[in-house]
Amino acid sequence: MNKTTLLLLLAGTAAAQTAPAQTVFINGVALKAIPITRNGVSYYQLRADDLGRVGAITAGGVTPKISAVKGCVGDTLFNGVYTVQLLNTFWDGDRFGATLLLANASKQPLHNFMAFSPGDVVAANKADNTLPLRNYAGNWIETLPPGAKITLKTTTENTTQKGWTRLLIRPSDDNVRELQKAKLPLAKVYNMEFDLTCNK
């Protein structure tokens, strides 16, 4: 039986058998990959610049970028330190809200000043109007040990605006600096964006 291994090949060889391109997900981002079988082992060949773009190749430490790791409702996105899954969105009266599952994927405790705050979670629509979800219900982040998870519920103020199509998570510059000071392996692309028009 052939052994299947997911290996990020940056260069192919003439001896390898190739198949049509497939889509693979790395850090919640869809990338085109070429399946290759060599000596009975299956690999996926990806472009090095694509891997760098989604934060799969990083030496730690970042220069803030506008780009974001992108996914759908239900996807789990990863920025090198923690993961965030958008479980659902909801309306609480006139407030738009989101339920997020935050998990510490690092080997160090994640303190509240290292992760994002409620105001860093922002709803956006097709016209690029935005509204932060500054309010939260229940507990917010205090300290998450390695591997620990917490469910967060955050909402906007009262609003009559509808038609939100994206949920953005943009950690503040202070959050990023704290992660860098702790020498945590924050990926080059650390902002997150969920497309509310698609579900995993």
N, C-alpha and C. Protein backbone atom coordinates (compact mmCIF):
# COMPACT_ATOMS: atom_id res chain seq x y z
N MET A 1 0.85 -1.19 0.00
CA MET A 1 0.00 0.00 0.00
C MET A 1 0.88 1.24 0.00
N ASN A 2 0.54 2.21 -0.82
CA ASN A 2 1.31 3.44 -0.88
C ASN A 2 1.14 4.25 0.39
N LYS A 3 2.21 4.82 0.85
CA LYS A 3 2.16 5.69 2.02
C LYS A 3 1.93 7.11 1.53
N THR A 4 0.97 7.82 2.11
CA THR A 4 0.67 9.19 1.71
C THR A 4 1.20 10.14 2.76
N THR A 5 2.00 11.08 2.33
CA THR A 5 2.60 12.05 3.24
C THR A 5 2.36 13.44 2.71
N LEU A 6 1.96 14.37 3.58
CA LEU A 6 1.83 15.76 3.17
C LEU A 6 3.17 16.43 3.36
N LEU A 7 3.84 16.72 2.25
CA LEU A 7 5.17 17.32 2.30
C LEU A 7 5.15 18.55 1.43
N LEU A 8 5.67 19.64 1.91
CA LEU A 8 5.69 20.88 1.16
C LEU A 8 6.94 20.91 0.30
N LEU A 9 6.79 20.50 -0.96
CA LEU A 9 7.92 20.50 -1.88
C LEU A 9 8.03 21.84 -2.55
N LEU A 10 9.20 22.43 -2.53
CA LEU A 10 9.40 23.72 -3.18
C LEU A 10 9.92 23.55 -4.60
N ALA A 11 10.35 22.37 -4.96
CA ALA A 11 10.81 22.13 -6.33
C ALA A 11 10.50 20.70 -6.70
N GLY A 12 10.02 20.49 -7.92
CA GLY A 12 9.70 19.15 -8.39
C GLY A 12 10.88 18.55 -9.14
N THR A 13 10.73 17.30 -9.54
CA THR A 13 11.77 16.66 -10.32
C THR A 13 11.15 16.04 -11.55
N ALA A 14 11.97 15.85 -12.56
CA ALA A 14 11.47 15.29 -13.82
C ALA A 14 10.98 13.87 -13.64
N ALA A 15 11.55 13.16 -12.64
CA ALA A 15 11.19 11.76 -12.45
C ALA A 15 9.84 11.59 -11.76
N ALA A 16 9.30 12.66 -11.21
CA ALA A 16 8.06 12.55 -10.46
C ALA A 16 6.86 12.50 -11.39
N GLN A 17 5.85 11.72 -11.01
CA GLN A 17 4.60 11.69 -11.75
C GLN A 17 3.70 12.78 -11.19
N THR A 18 3.11 13.59 -12.07
CA THR A 18 2.27 14.68 -11.61
C THR A 18 0.82 14.46 -12.02
N ALA A 19 -0.09 15.09 -11.30
CA ALA A 19 -1.52 15.03 -11.57
C ALA A 19 -2.04 16.46 -11.63
N PRO A 20 -3.31 16.65 -12.04
CA PRO A 20 -3.87 18.00 -12.08
C PRO A 20 -3.81 18.68 -10.72
N ALA A 21 -3.75 20.01 -10.74
CA ALA A 21 -3.66 20.79 -9.50
C ALA A 21 -4.86 20.53 -8.60
N GLN A 22 -4.60 20.53 -7.31
CA GLN A 22 -5.64 20.40 -6.30
C GLN A 22 -5.57 21.59 -5.37
N THR A 23 -6.58 21.74 -4.54
CA THR A 23 -6.59 22.81 -3.55
C THR A 23 -6.29 22.22 -2.18
N VAL A 24 -5.32 22.81 -1.49
CA VAL A 24 -5.03 22.44 -0.10
C VAL A 24 -5.18 23.69 0.76
N PHE A 25 -5.44 23.48 2.03
CA PHE A 25 -5.61 24.61 2.94
C PHE A 25 -4.45 24.64 3.93
N ILE A 26 -3.77 25.77 3.98
CA ILE A 26 -2.69 25.99 4.94
C ILE A 26 -3.00 27.28 5.68
N ASN A 27 -3.07 27.20 6.99
CA ASN A 27 -3.46 28.35 7.81
C ASN A 27 -4.81 28.91 7.39
N GLY A 28 -5.70 28.03 6.93
CA GLY A 28 -7.03 28.48 6.54
C GLY A 28 -7.10 29.16 5.20
N VAL A 29 -6.02 29.13 4.44
CA VAL A 29 -5.98 29.77 3.13
C VAL A 29 -5.89 28.71 2.04
N ALA A 30 -6.75 28.82 1.04
CA ALA A 30 -6.73 27.86 -0.07
C ALA A 30 -5.56 28.13 -0.99
N LEU A 31 -4.73 27.12 -1.24
CA LEU A 31 -3.59 27.23 -2.14
C LEU A 31 -3.65 26.13 -3.18
N LYS A 32 -3.20 26.45 -4.40
CA LYS A 32 -3.11 25.43 -5.45
C LYS A 32 -1.86 24.59 -5.22
N ALA A 33 -2.02 23.28 -5.31
CA ALA A 33 -0.90 22.37 -5.10
C ALA A 33 -0.91 21.30 -6.18
N ILE A 34 0.27 20.89 -6.60
CA ILE A 34 0.42 19.84 -7.61
C ILE A 34 0.74 18.53 -6.90
N PRO A 35 -0.15 17.53 -6.97
CA PRO A 35 0.17 16.22 -6.37
C PRO A 35 1.27 15.53 -7.17
N ILE A 36 2.23 14.98 -6.48
CA ILE A 36 3.35 14.27 -7.11
C ILE A 36 3.54 12.94 -6.39
N THR A 37 3.70 11.87 -7.15
CA THR A 37 4.01 10.56 -6.57
C THR A 37 5.42 10.17 -6.99
N ARG A 38 6.24 9.86 -6.00
CA ARG A 38 7.63 9.49 -6.27
C ARG A 38 8.03 8.35 -5.35
N ASN A 39 8.50 7.27 -5.94
CA ASN A 39 8.90 6.09 -5.16
C ASN A 39 7.77 5.62 -4.24
N GLY A 40 6.54 5.69 -4.74
CA GLY A 40 5.40 5.21 -3.97
C GLY A 40 4.91 6.14 -2.88
N VAL A 41 5.49 7.34 -2.80
CA VAL A 41 5.09 8.30 -1.77
C VAL A 41 4.45 9.50 -2.46
N SER A 42 3.32 9.98 -1.94
CA SER A 42 2.63 11.13 -2.51
C SER A 42 3.04 12.41 -1.79
N TYR A 43 3.28 13.47 -2.57
CA TYR A 43 3.67 14.78 -2.05
C TYR A 43 2.77 15.84 -2.66
N TYR A 44 2.82 17.04 -2.11
CA TYR A 44 2.17 18.19 -2.71
C TYR A 44 3.23 19.26 -2.95
N GLN A 45 3.28 19.74 -4.18
CA GLN A 45 4.24 20.79 -4.55
C GLN A 45 3.52 22.13 -4.50
N LEU A 46 4.07 23.07 -3.72
CA LEU A 46 3.49 24.41 -3.59
C LEU A 46 4.55 25.45 -3.88
N ARG A 47 4.11 26.64 -4.27
CA ARG A 47 5.04 27.74 -4.54
C ARG A 47 5.55 28.32 -3.22
N ALA A 48 6.85 28.58 -3.16
CA ALA A 48 7.44 29.12 -1.94
C ALA A 48 6.84 30.48 -1.59
N ASP A 49 6.56 31.32 -2.60
CA ASP A 49 6.00 32.64 -2.29
C ASP A 49 4.58 32.53 -1.72
N ASP A 50 3.81 31.51 -2.16
CA ASP A 50 2.48 31.29 -1.57
C ASP A 50 2.60 30.88 -0.11
N LEU A 51 3.55 30.00 0.18
CA LEU A 51 3.75 29.56 1.57
C LEU A 51 4.16 30.73 2.45
N GLY A 52 5.02 31.59 1.92
CA GLY A 52 5.42 32.77 2.68
C GLY A 52 4.25 33.72 2.89
N ARG A 53 3.40 33.85 1.89
CA ARG A 53 2.27 34.78 1.96
C ARG A 53 1.29 34.39 3.06
N VAL A 54 1.09 33.10 3.27
CA VAL A 54 0.12 32.67 4.29
C VAL A 54 0.76 32.41 5.64
N GLY A 55 2.05 32.72 5.77
CA GLY A 55 2.70 32.58 7.07
C GLY A 55 3.21 31.20 7.39
N ALA A 56 3.30 30.31 6.39
CA ALA A 56 3.81 28.97 6.64
C ALA A 56 5.33 28.94 6.70
N ILE A 57 5.98 29.95 6.15
CA ILE A 57 7.44 30.07 6.22
C ILE A 57 7.73 31.36 6.98
N THR A 58 8.23 31.24 8.19
CA THR A 58 8.52 32.42 8.98
C THR A 58 9.61 32.08 9.99
N ALA A 59 10.42 33.08 10.29
CA ALA A 59 11.46 32.90 11.29
C ALA A 59 11.03 33.52 12.62
N GLY A 60 9.76 33.94 12.69
CA GLY A 60 9.27 34.59 13.90
C GLY A 60 9.54 36.08 13.85
N GLY A 61 8.72 36.86 14.53
CA GLY A 61 8.81 38.31 14.43
C GLY A 61 8.17 38.77 13.15
N VAL A 62 7.57 39.96 13.16
CA VAL A 62 6.80 40.37 12.01
C VAL A 62 7.00 41.84 11.71
N THR A 63 6.69 42.19 10.48
CA THR A 63 6.45 43.57 10.10
C THR A 63 4.96 43.64 9.79
N PRO A 64 4.19 44.51 10.45
CA PRO A 64 2.75 44.50 10.24
C PRO A 64 2.38 44.62 8.77
N LYS A 65 1.43 43.81 8.36
CA LYS A 65 0.95 43.78 6.98
C LYS A 65 -0.56 43.99 6.97
N ILE A 66 -1.08 44.41 5.82
CA ILE A 66 -2.52 44.59 5.67
C ILE A 66 -3.19 43.26 5.38
N SER A 67 -2.48 42.35 4.73
CA SER A 67 -3.07 41.08 4.32
C SER A 67 -3.46 40.25 5.54
N ALA A 68 -4.36 39.29 5.32
CA ALA A 68 -4.89 38.49 6.42
C ALA A 68 -5.03 37.04 6.00
N VAL A 69 -4.95 36.15 6.99
CA VAL A 69 -5.32 34.77 6.78
C VAL A 69 -6.84 34.74 6.65
N LYS A 70 -7.36 34.09 5.61
CA LYS A 70 -8.80 34.17 5.33
C LYS A 70 -9.46 32.80 5.37
N GLY A 71 -10.70 32.78 5.83
CA GLY A 71 -11.47 31.55 5.88
C GLY A 71 -12.95 31.84 5.92
N CYS A 72 -13.73 30.78 6.10
CA CYS A 72 -15.19 30.88 6.14
C CYS A 72 -15.69 30.68 7.56
N VAL A 73 -16.98 30.86 7.77
CA VAL A 73 -17.59 30.54 9.05
C VAL A 73 -17.34 29.05 9.33
N GLY A 74 -16.81 28.74 10.49
CA GLY A 74 -16.48 27.36 10.83
C GLY A 74 -15.02 27.02 10.65
N ASP A 75 -14.29 27.80 9.86
CA ASP A 75 -12.86 27.55 9.68
C ASP A 75 -12.09 27.92 10.94
N THR A 76 -10.96 27.27 11.13
CA THR A 76 -10.02 27.61 12.19
C THR A 76 -8.80 28.24 11.54
N LEU A 77 -8.49 29.47 11.91
CA LEU A 77 -7.35 30.20 11.35
C LEU A 77 -6.23 30.25 12.38
N PHE A 78 -5.00 30.25 11.91
CA PHE A 78 -3.82 30.13 12.77
C PHE A 78 -2.83 31.22 12.40
N ASN A 79 -2.28 31.90 13.41
CA ASN A 79 -1.30 32.97 13.15
C ASN A 79 0.07 32.66 13.72
N GLY A 80 0.33 31.41 14.03
CA GLY A 80 1.63 31.02 14.56
C GLY A 80 1.66 30.94 16.08
N VAL A 81 0.71 31.62 16.75
CA VAL A 81 0.66 31.64 18.21
C VAL A 81 -0.66 31.07 18.72
N TYR A 82 -1.76 31.54 18.16
CA TYR A 82 -3.07 31.05 18.59
C TYR A 82 -3.96 30.81 17.38
N THR A 83 -5.00 30.01 17.60
CA THR A 83 -5.98 29.76 16.55
C THR A 83 -7.30 30.40 16.96
N VAL A 84 -8.06 30.81 15.94
CA VAL A 84 -9.40 31.35 16.16
C VAL A 84 -10.35 30.65 15.19
N GLN A 85 -11.41 30.10 15.73
CA GLN A 85 -12.47 29.52 14.91
C GLN A 85 -13.72 30.37 15.08
N LEU A 86 -14.31 30.79 13.96
CA LEU A 86 -15.58 31.50 14.01
C LEU A 86 -16.69 30.46 14.05
N LEU A 87 -17.32 30.31 15.22
CA LEU A 87 -18.36 29.30 15.38
C LEU A 87 -19.67 29.74 14.75
N ASN A 88 -20.04 31.02 14.96
CA ASN A 88 -21.27 31.54 14.37
C ASN A 88 -21.34 33.04 14.54
N THR A 89 -22.28 33.65 13.84
CA THR A 89 -22.64 35.04 14.07
C THR A 89 -24.11 35.07 14.46
N PHE A 90 -24.53 36.16 15.10
CA PHE A 90 -25.90 36.22 15.60
C PHE A 90 -26.32 37.67 15.79
N TRP A 91 -27.61 37.87 15.97
CA TRP A 91 -28.17 39.16 16.35
C TRP A 91 -28.74 39.03 17.75
N ASP A 92 -28.36 39.94 18.63
CA ASP A 92 -28.91 40.04 19.98
C ASP A 92 -29.65 41.36 20.05
N GLY A 93 -30.94 41.34 19.70
CA GLY A 93 -31.67 42.60 19.56
C GLY A 93 -31.11 43.37 18.39
N ASP A 94 -30.63 44.59 18.65
CA ASP A 94 -30.04 45.42 17.60
C ASP A 94 -28.52 45.34 17.58
N ARG A 95 -27.97 44.36 18.25
CA ARG A 95 -26.51 44.20 18.28
C ARG A 95 -26.11 42.99 17.45
N PHE A 96 -25.11 43.19 16.59
CA PHE A 96 -24.56 42.10 15.79
C PHE A 96 -23.43 41.47 16.59
N GLY A 97 -23.38 40.14 16.62
CA GLY A 97 -22.37 39.48 17.43
C GLY A 97 -21.73 38.29 16.76
N ALA A 98 -20.67 37.80 17.38
CA ALA A 98 -19.94 36.63 16.88
C ALA A 98 -19.50 35.78 18.06
N THR A 99 -19.49 34.47 17.83
CA THR A 99 -18.97 33.52 18.82
C THR A 99 -17.67 32.95 18.27
N LEU A 100 -16.59 33.13 19.03
CA LEU A 100 -15.25 32.73 18.60
C LEU A 100 -14.68 31.70 19.57
N LEU A 101 -13.94 30.75 19.04
CA LEU A 101 -13.20 29.81 19.88
C LEU A 101 -11.71 30.12 19.73
N LEU A 102 -11.11 30.62 20.79
CA LEU A 102 -9.69 30.97 20.81
C LEU A 102 -8.91 29.87 21.51
N ALA A 103 -7.82 29.41 20.89
CA ALA A 103 -6.98 28.37 21.50
C ALA A 103 -5.52 28.82 21.46
N ASN A 104 -4.82 28.58 22.55
CA ASN A 104 -3.39 28.88 22.62
C ASN A 104 -2.62 27.73 21.99
N ALA A 105 -2.03 27.99 20.83
CA ALA A 105 -1.29 26.95 20.11
C ALA A 105 0.21 27.03 20.37
N SER A 106 0.62 27.91 21.28
CA SER A 106 2.05 28.07 21.57
C SER A 106 2.45 27.23 22.78
N LYS A 107 3.73 27.29 23.14
CA LYS A 107 4.24 26.56 24.29
C LYS A 107 4.37 27.44 25.51
N GLN A 108 3.84 28.68 25.43
CA GLN A 108 3.91 29.61 26.54
C GLN A 108 2.50 30.08 26.90
N PRO A 109 2.29 30.57 28.12
CA PRO A 109 0.99 31.14 28.46
C PRO A 109 0.67 32.34 27.55
N LEU A 110 -0.59 32.47 27.19
CA LEU A 110 -1.05 33.59 26.37
C LEU A 110 -1.85 34.52 27.28
N HIS A 111 -1.31 35.71 27.53
CA HIS A 111 -1.96 36.68 28.42
C HIS A 111 -2.88 37.59 27.61
N ASN A 112 -3.82 38.24 28.32
CA ASN A 112 -4.80 39.07 27.62
C ASN A 112 -4.16 40.21 26.84
N PHE A 113 -3.02 40.72 27.28
CA PHE A 113 -2.38 41.81 26.56
C PHE A 113 -1.61 41.33 25.33
N MET A 114 -1.57 40.01 25.12
CA MET A 114 -0.92 39.46 23.93
C MET A 114 -1.93 39.15 22.83
N ALA A 115 -3.15 38.81 23.23
CA ALA A 115 -4.18 38.46 22.25
C ALA A 115 -4.98 39.70 21.87
N PHE A 116 -5.96 39.53 21.03
CA PHE A 116 -6.78 40.65 20.57
C PHE A 116 -7.81 41.02 21.64
N SER A 117 -8.27 42.27 21.60
CA SER A 117 -9.33 42.73 22.49
C SER A 117 -10.65 42.73 21.73
N PRO A 118 -11.80 42.89 22.42
CA PRO A 118 -13.07 42.92 21.70
C PRO A 118 -13.10 43.97 20.59
N GLY A 119 -12.50 45.13 20.83
CA GLY A 119 -12.50 46.19 19.82
C GLY A 119 -11.68 45.87 18.60
N ASP A 120 -10.83 44.82 18.67
CA ASP A 120 -10.05 44.40 17.51
C ASP A 120 -10.83 43.46 16.60
N VAL A 121 -12.04 43.08 17.03
CA VAL A 121 -12.94 42.27 16.21
C VAL A 121 -13.91 43.23 15.53
N VAL A 122 -13.93 43.22 14.19
CA VAL A 122 -14.65 44.24 13.44
C VAL A 122 -15.51 43.60 12.36
N ALA A 123 -16.77 44.03 12.28
CA ALA A 123 -17.66 43.61 11.20
C ALA A 123 -17.49 44.57 10.03
N ALA A 124 -17.54 44.03 8.81
CA ALA A 124 -17.40 44.86 7.61
C ALA A 124 -18.41 44.40 6.57
N ASN A 125 -18.78 45.34 5.68
CA ASN A 125 -19.69 44.97 4.59
C ASN A 125 -19.02 45.22 3.25
N LYS A 126 -19.77 44.99 2.17
CA LYS A 126 -19.19 45.12 0.83
C LYS A 126 -18.75 46.54 0.52
N ALA A 127 -19.38 47.51 1.17
CA ALA A 127 -19.01 48.91 0.94
C ALA A 127 -17.85 49.34 1.82
N ASP A 128 -17.25 48.38 2.53
CA ASP A 128 -16.13 48.63 3.45
C ASP A 128 -16.52 49.50 4.64
N ASN A 129 -17.81 49.56 4.97
CA ASN A 129 -18.21 50.15 6.25
C ASN A 129 -17.84 49.15 7.34
N THR A 130 -17.36 49.65 8.45
CA THR A 130 -16.92 48.76 9.53
C THR A 130 -17.54 49.19 10.86
N LEU A 131 -17.65 48.23 11.76
CA LEU A 131 -18.18 48.49 13.09
C LEU A 131 -17.53 47.50 14.06
N PRO A 132 -16.80 48.01 15.08
CA PRO A 132 -16.14 47.10 16.02
C PRO A 132 -17.14 46.43 16.95
N LEU A 133 -16.81 45.22 17.35
CA LEU A 133 -17.62 44.46 18.31
C LEU A 133 -17.01 44.65 19.69
N ARG A 134 -17.18 45.82 20.27
CA ARG A 134 -16.47 46.21 21.49
C ARG A 134 -17.00 45.53 22.76
N ASN A 135 -18.21 45.03 22.72
CA ASN A 135 -18.84 44.45 23.92
C ASN A 135 -18.63 42.94 23.95
N TYR A 136 -18.61 42.38 25.15
CA TYR A 136 -18.50 40.93 25.24
C TYR A 136 -19.37 40.41 26.39
N ALA A 137 -19.79 39.17 26.24
CA ALA A 137 -20.61 38.52 27.27
C ALA A 137 -19.77 37.46 27.96
N GLY A 138 -19.95 37.33 29.28
CA GLY A 138 -19.18 36.33 30.02
C GLY A 138 -17.74 36.76 30.20
N ASN A 139 -16.84 35.80 30.14
CA ASN A 139 -15.42 36.07 30.39
C ASN A 139 -14.70 36.43 29.11
N TRP A 140 -13.70 37.28 29.23
CA TRP A 140 -12.76 37.54 28.14
C TRP A 140 -11.46 36.86 28.53
N ILE A 141 -10.44 37.06 27.72
CA ILE A 141 -9.17 36.37 27.93
C ILE A 141 -8.47 36.94 29.17
N GLU A 142 -8.03 36.07 30.06
CA GLU A 142 -7.13 36.48 31.14
C GLU A 142 -5.76 35.88 30.84
N THR A 143 -5.59 34.61 31.15
CA THR A 143 -4.38 33.88 30.76
C THR A 143 -4.78 32.50 30.28
N LEU A 144 -4.31 32.14 29.09
CA LEU A 144 -4.58 30.81 28.54
C LEU A 144 -3.29 29.99 28.58
N PRO A 145 -3.26 28.89 29.31
CA PRO A 145 -2.08 28.02 29.28
C PRO A 145 -1.93 27.38 27.90
N PRO A 146 -0.76 26.84 27.59
CA PRO A 146 -0.58 26.16 26.30
C PRO A 146 -1.65 25.08 26.09
N GLY A 147 -2.27 25.09 24.93
CA GLY A 147 -3.28 24.10 24.60
C GLY A 147 -4.68 24.42 25.09
N ALA A 148 -4.82 25.45 25.93
CA ALA A 148 -6.14 25.78 26.48
C ALA A 148 -6.99 26.54 25.47
N LYS A 149 -8.32 26.44 25.65
CA LYS A 149 -9.27 27.11 24.75
C LYS A 149 -10.26 27.91 25.57
N ILE A 150 -10.83 28.93 24.92
CA ILE A 150 -11.89 29.71 25.55
C ILE A 150 -12.87 30.16 24.47
N THR A 151 -14.16 30.10 24.79
CA THR A 151 -15.19 30.58 23.87
C THR A 151 -15.51 32.03 24.22
N LEU A 152 -15.47 32.89 23.22
CA LEU A 152 -15.69 34.32 23.40
C LEU A 152 -16.92 34.76 22.62
N LYS A 153 -17.76 35.59 23.24
CA LYS A 153 -18.90 36.17 22.55
C LYS A 153 -18.74 37.68 22.59
N THR A 154 -18.78 38.30 21.43
CA THR A 154 -18.56 39.73 21.32
C THR A 154 -19.62 40.34 20.42
N THR A 155 -20.06 41.58 20.75
CA THR A 155 -21.13 42.22 20.00
C THR A 155 -20.82 43.69 19.74
N THR A 156 -21.52 44.24 18.75
CA THR A 156 -21.43 45.66 18.46
C THR A 156 -22.32 46.43 19.44
N GLU A 157 -22.27 47.76 19.35
CA GLU A 157 -23.30 48.58 19.98
C GLU A 157 -24.58 48.40 19.16
N ASN A 158 -25.68 48.99 19.61
CA ASN A 158 -26.92 48.95 18.84
C ASN A 158 -26.68 49.54 17.46
N THR A 159 -27.17 48.88 16.43
CA THR A 159 -26.97 49.36 15.07
C THR A 159 -28.17 48.99 14.20
N THR A 160 -28.45 49.86 13.25
CA THR A 160 -29.50 49.54 12.27
C THR A 160 -28.88 48.99 10.99
N GLN A 161 -27.56 49.01 10.92
CA GLN A 161 -26.87 48.54 9.71
C GLN A 161 -26.92 47.01 9.64
N LYS A 162 -27.22 46.52 8.45
CA LYS A 162 -27.28 45.07 8.22
C LYS A 162 -26.30 44.73 7.09
N GLY A 163 -26.33 43.48 6.68
CA GLY A 163 -25.55 43.07 5.51
C GLY A 163 -24.06 42.93 5.76
N TRP A 164 -23.68 42.54 6.96
CA TRP A 164 -22.26 42.32 7.24
C TRP A 164 -21.78 41.08 6.48
N THR A 165 -20.67 41.21 5.78
CA THR A 165 -20.16 40.12 4.95
C THR A 165 -18.80 39.58 5.40
N ARG A 166 -18.12 40.32 6.29
CA ARG A 166 -16.80 39.88 6.75
C ARG A 166 -16.66 40.16 8.24
N LEU A 167 -15.87 39.33 8.90
CA LEU A 167 -15.49 39.56 10.28
C LEU A 167 -13.97 39.61 10.33
N LEU A 168 -13.44 40.73 10.76
CA LEU A 168 -11.99 40.95 10.77
C LEU A 168 -11.47 40.86 12.20
N ILE A 169 -10.30 40.27 12.36
CA ILE A 169 -9.59 40.29 13.64
C ILE A 169 -8.23 40.89 13.37
N ARG A 170 -8.02 42.08 13.92
CA ARG A 170 -6.79 42.84 13.69
C ARG A 170 -6.13 43.14 15.03
N PRO A 171 -5.22 42.28 15.52
CA PRO A 171 -4.55 42.56 16.79
C PRO A 171 -3.86 43.92 16.74
N SER A 172 -3.89 44.63 17.86
CA SER A 172 -3.29 45.96 17.91
C SER A 172 -1.77 45.87 17.83
N ASP A 173 -1.14 47.00 17.54
CA ASP A 173 0.32 47.06 17.51
C ASP A 173 0.91 46.66 18.87
N ASP A 174 0.23 47.06 19.95
CA ASP A 174 0.71 46.69 21.29
C ASP A 174 0.67 45.18 21.48
N ASN A 175 -0.41 44.53 21.02
CA ASN A 175 -0.50 43.07 21.12
C ASN A 175 0.65 42.41 20.38
N VAL A 176 0.92 42.89 19.17
CA VAL A 176 1.98 42.32 18.34
C VAL A 176 3.33 42.49 19.02
N ARG A 177 3.58 43.68 19.58
CA ARG A 177 4.86 43.92 20.26
C ARG A 177 5.04 42.97 21.46
N GLU A 178 3.96 42.74 22.19
CA GLU A 178 4.06 41.83 23.34
C GLU A 178 4.40 40.41 22.90
N LEU A 179 3.81 39.96 21.79
CA LEU A 179 4.13 38.63 21.26
C LEU A 179 5.59 38.56 20.82
N GLN A 180 6.06 39.64 20.21
CA GLN A 180 7.46 39.68 19.78
C GLN A 180 8.40 39.68 20.98
N LYS A 181 8.06 40.45 22.01
CA LYS A 181 8.90 40.50 23.22
C LYS A 181 8.99 39.13 23.88
N ALA A 182 7.90 38.38 23.81
CA ALA A 182 7.89 37.03 24.40
C ALA A 182 8.54 36.00 23.49
N LYS A 183 9.00 36.47 22.30
CA LYS A 183 9.65 35.60 21.32
C LYS A 183 8.75 34.45 20.88
N LEU A 184 7.47 34.73 20.79
CA LEU A 184 6.52 33.74 20.28
C LEU A 184 6.55 33.76 18.76
N PRO A 185 6.31 32.62 18.12
CA PRO A 185 6.50 32.50 16.66
C PRO A 185 5.33 33.05 15.85
N LEU A 186 5.03 34.34 16.01
CA LEU A 186 3.95 34.97 15.26
C LEU A 186 4.27 34.94 13.78
N ALA A 187 3.31 34.47 12.99
CA ALA A 187 3.52 34.35 11.55
C ALA A 187 3.59 35.72 10.89
N LYS A 188 4.15 35.76 9.70
CA LYS A 188 4.26 37.00 8.95
C LYS A 188 2.87 37.58 8.67
N VAL A 189 1.92 36.72 8.38
CA VAL A 189 0.53 37.14 8.17
C VAL A 189 -0.25 36.73 9.41
N TYR A 190 -0.63 37.70 10.23
CA TYR A 190 -1.28 37.37 11.50
C TYR A 190 -2.70 37.91 11.62
N ASN A 191 -3.08 38.89 10.79
CA ASN A 191 -4.47 39.34 10.79
C ASN A 191 -5.36 38.23 10.27
N MET A 192 -6.60 38.21 10.71
CA MET A 192 -7.54 37.17 10.30
C MET A 192 -8.80 37.80 9.72
N GLU A 193 -9.39 37.09 8.76
CA GLU A 193 -10.61 37.58 8.12
C GLU A 193 -11.51 36.40 7.77
N PHE A 194 -12.74 36.46 8.26
CA PHE A 194 -13.72 35.42 7.97
C PHE A 194 -14.75 35.95 6.98
N ASP A 195 -15.02 35.18 5.95
CA ASP A 195 -16.05 35.50 4.96
C ASP A 195 -17.38 34.98 5.50
N LEU A 196 -18.30 35.89 5.81
CA LEU A 196 -19.57 35.49 6.41
C LEU A 196 -20.55 34.95 5.39
N THR A 197 -20.18 34.99 4.11
CA THR A 197 -21.09 34.48 3.07
C THR A 197 -20.82 33.02 2.75
N CYS A 198 -19.83 32.41 3.41
CA CYS A 198 -19.55 30.99 3.15
C CYS A 198 -19.40 30.25 4.47
N ASN A 199 -19.73 28.98 4.45
CA ASN A 199 -19.62 28.12 5.62
C ASN A 199 -18.73 26.94 5.31
N LYS A 200 -17.95 26.51 6.29
CA LYS A 200 -17.05 25.38 6.10
C LYS A 200 -17.86 24.11 5.91
